[in-house]
Protein backbone atom coordinates (compact mmCIF):
# COMPACT_ATOMS: atom_id res chain seq x y z
CA MET A 1 -39.62 14.94 -15.21
CA ARG A 2 -39.45 13.21 -11.84
CA ARG A 3 -39.70 9.77 -13.49
CA THR A 4 -36.68 10.55 -15.66
CA LEU A 5 -34.63 12.08 -12.87
CA ILE A 6 -34.71 9.03 -10.54
CA PRO A 7 -33.17 6.53 -13.03
CA VAL A 8 -30.55 9.11 -14.01
CA LEU A 9 -29.59 9.65 -10.36
CA LEU A 10 -29.40 5.89 -9.73
CA ALA A 11 -27.16 5.42 -12.76
CA ALA A 12 -24.92 8.27 -11.62
CA LEU A 13 -24.60 6.77 -8.13
CA THR A 14 -23.69 3.37 -9.57
CA LEU A 15 -21.05 4.91 -11.82
CA THR A 16 -19.62 6.91 -8.91
CA ALA A 17 -19.33 3.80 -6.74
CA CYS A 18 -17.37 1.94 -9.46
CA THR A 19 -15.08 4.87 -10.05
CA SER A 20 -14.54 5.29 -6.32
CA ASP A 21 -13.49 1.64 -5.88
CA GLN A 22 -11.07 1.94 -8.79
CA ASP A 23 -9.63 5.17 -7.37
CA LYS A 24 -9.21 3.59 -3.94
CA ALA A 25 -7.37 0.62 -5.45
CA GLU A 26 -5.09 2.94 -7.43
CA GLN A 27 -4.29 4.95 -4.31
CA TYR A 28 -3.72 1.81 -2.21
CA TRP A 29 -1.16 0.41 -4.66
CA HIS A 30 0.46 3.80 -5.09
CA GLY A 31 0.89 4.03 -1.32
CA TYR A 32 2.06 0.43 -1.10
CA HIS A 33 4.82 0.98 -3.66
CA PHE A 34 5.92 4.18 -1.94
CA GLY A 35 6.12 2.39 1.42
CA GLU A 36 7.92 -0.65 0.00
CA LYS A 37 10.44 1.52 -1.85
CA THR A 38 11.08 3.64 1.23
CA ALA A 39 11.54 0.65 3.55
CA SER A 40 13.74 -1.17 1.05
CA ALA A 41 15.97 1.87 0.57
CA TYR A 42 16.29 2.21 4.34
CA ALA A 43 17.24 -1.44 4.80
CA LYS A 44 19.81 -1.36 2.03
CA ARG A 45 21.33 1.86 3.31
CA VAL A 46 21.36 1.16 7.02
CA ILE A 47 21.26 -2.51 7.82
CA ASP A 48 21.35 -5.24 5.20
CA ASP A 49 23.63 -5.10 2.17
CA ALA A 50 22.08 -8.33 0.83
CA PHE A 51 18.49 -7.13 1.29
CA GLU A 52 17.35 -8.72 -1.99
CA TYR A 53 17.45 -12.10 -0.23
CA CYS A 54 14.54 -11.09 1.96
CA THR A 55 12.29 -9.83 -0.82
CA THR A 56 12.85 -12.11 -3.82
CA GLY A 57 10.95 -15.16 -4.94
CA GLY A 58 7.77 -14.45 -2.98
CA GLU A 59 9.18 -16.28 0.02
CA VAL A 60 9.17 -13.48 2.57
CA ALA A 61 6.94 -15.42 5.00
CA ALA A 62 9.21 -18.47 4.87
CA ARG A 63 12.26 -16.30 5.46
CA GLN A 64 10.91 -14.30 8.41
CA ASP A 65 13.38 -15.97 10.77
CA ILE A 66 16.32 -14.85 8.64
CA CYS A 67 14.98 -11.47 7.63
CA THR A 68 13.44 -10.11 10.83
CA GLN A 69 14.50 -12.09 13.89
CA PRO A 70 17.07 -10.93 16.45
CA GLY A 71 20.50 -12.07 15.40
CA GLY A 72 19.60 -11.83 11.72
CA PRO A 73 19.44 -8.74 9.56
CA ASP A 74 16.42 -6.76 10.69
CA THR A 75 15.07 -5.21 7.52
CA ARG A 76 11.92 -3.72 9.03
CA TYR A 77 11.53 -0.02 8.63
CA PRO A 78 11.01 1.58 12.08
CA THR A 79 7.23 1.80 12.55
CA HIS A 80 7.16 5.37 13.88
CA VAL A 81 9.35 6.56 11.03
CA GLY A 82 7.24 4.72 8.46
CA GLN A 83 4.01 6.23 9.79
CA LYS A 84 5.54 9.69 9.64
CA GLU A 85 6.80 9.11 6.08
CA CYS A 86 3.33 8.00 5.00
CA ALA A 87 1.70 11.01 6.63
CA ASP A 88 4.27 13.45 5.22
CA GLU A 89 3.92 12.11 1.67
CA LEU A 90 0.11 11.99 1.63
CA LEU A 91 -1.08 13.37 -1.68
CA ASP A 92 -3.24 16.45 -2.06
CA GLY A 93 -6.67 16.30 -3.66
CA LEU A 94 -7.73 12.88 -2.38
CA ASP A 95 -11.10 12.28 -0.80
CA ARG A 96 -11.30 10.59 2.60
CA GLU A 97 -11.59 7.02 1.27
CA GLU A 98 -8.71 7.53 -1.16
CA ARG A 99 -6.54 8.96 1.64
CA ASP A 100 -7.39 6.01 3.89
CA ALA A 101 -6.52 3.55 1.10
CA TRP A 102 -3.20 5.31 0.40
CA ILE A 103 -2.24 5.29 4.08
CA GLU A 104 -3.21 1.61 4.42
CA GLY A 105 -1.15 0.73 1.36
CA CYS A 106 1.79 2.81 2.55
CA HIS A 107 1.81 1.18 5.99
CA THR A 108 1.62 -2.29 4.41
CA GLY A 109 4.50 -1.49 2.08
CA VAL A 110 6.58 -0.02 4.90
CA ALA A 111 6.11 -3.23 6.89
CA LEU A 112 7.00 -5.31 3.81
CA ASP A 113 3.81 -7.13 4.69
CA VAL A 114 1.51 -9.19 2.48
CA PRO A 115 -0.47 -6.74 0.33
CA ASP A 116 -4.26 -6.72 0.60
CA THR A 117 -5.19 -8.24 -2.76
CA VAL A 118 -8.58 -9.36 -1.47
CA THR A 119 -9.83 -5.81 -1.01
CA TYR A 120 -7.80 -3.99 -3.65
CA GLY A 121 -7.21 -6.64 -6.32
CA PRO A 122 -3.89 -7.72 -7.79
CA ASP A 123 -0.95 -5.36 -7.95
CA PRO A 124 -1.20 -3.66 -11.36
CA ALA A 125 2.59 -3.25 -11.45
CA LYS A 126 3.14 -7.03 -11.47
């Protein structure tokens, strides 16, 4: 009995780890899209009517001087507001690692920052 139980437990732990990584990635990208959508809506509504210029073509880094510098349209979502939005919209039923991934994704999206594809893989929506 004991000999059978140990391999079964090891297999279950391996399966749980894979599922957990997948769940974390799903929550990260869900949070990222929420943050990006929220920040984009804010910028369009409040500051920059031509906001698409700052987010198209994958050239955000090259356009930082136009998109975020004083004197240009500042499209950044206020950090304190973004953190509150992320906290307020945190989903129920997530475990600690999933919550952390969602918050990290949300904060990255709010900052319109480069998404963490190294840790969480490519954006499944693209």
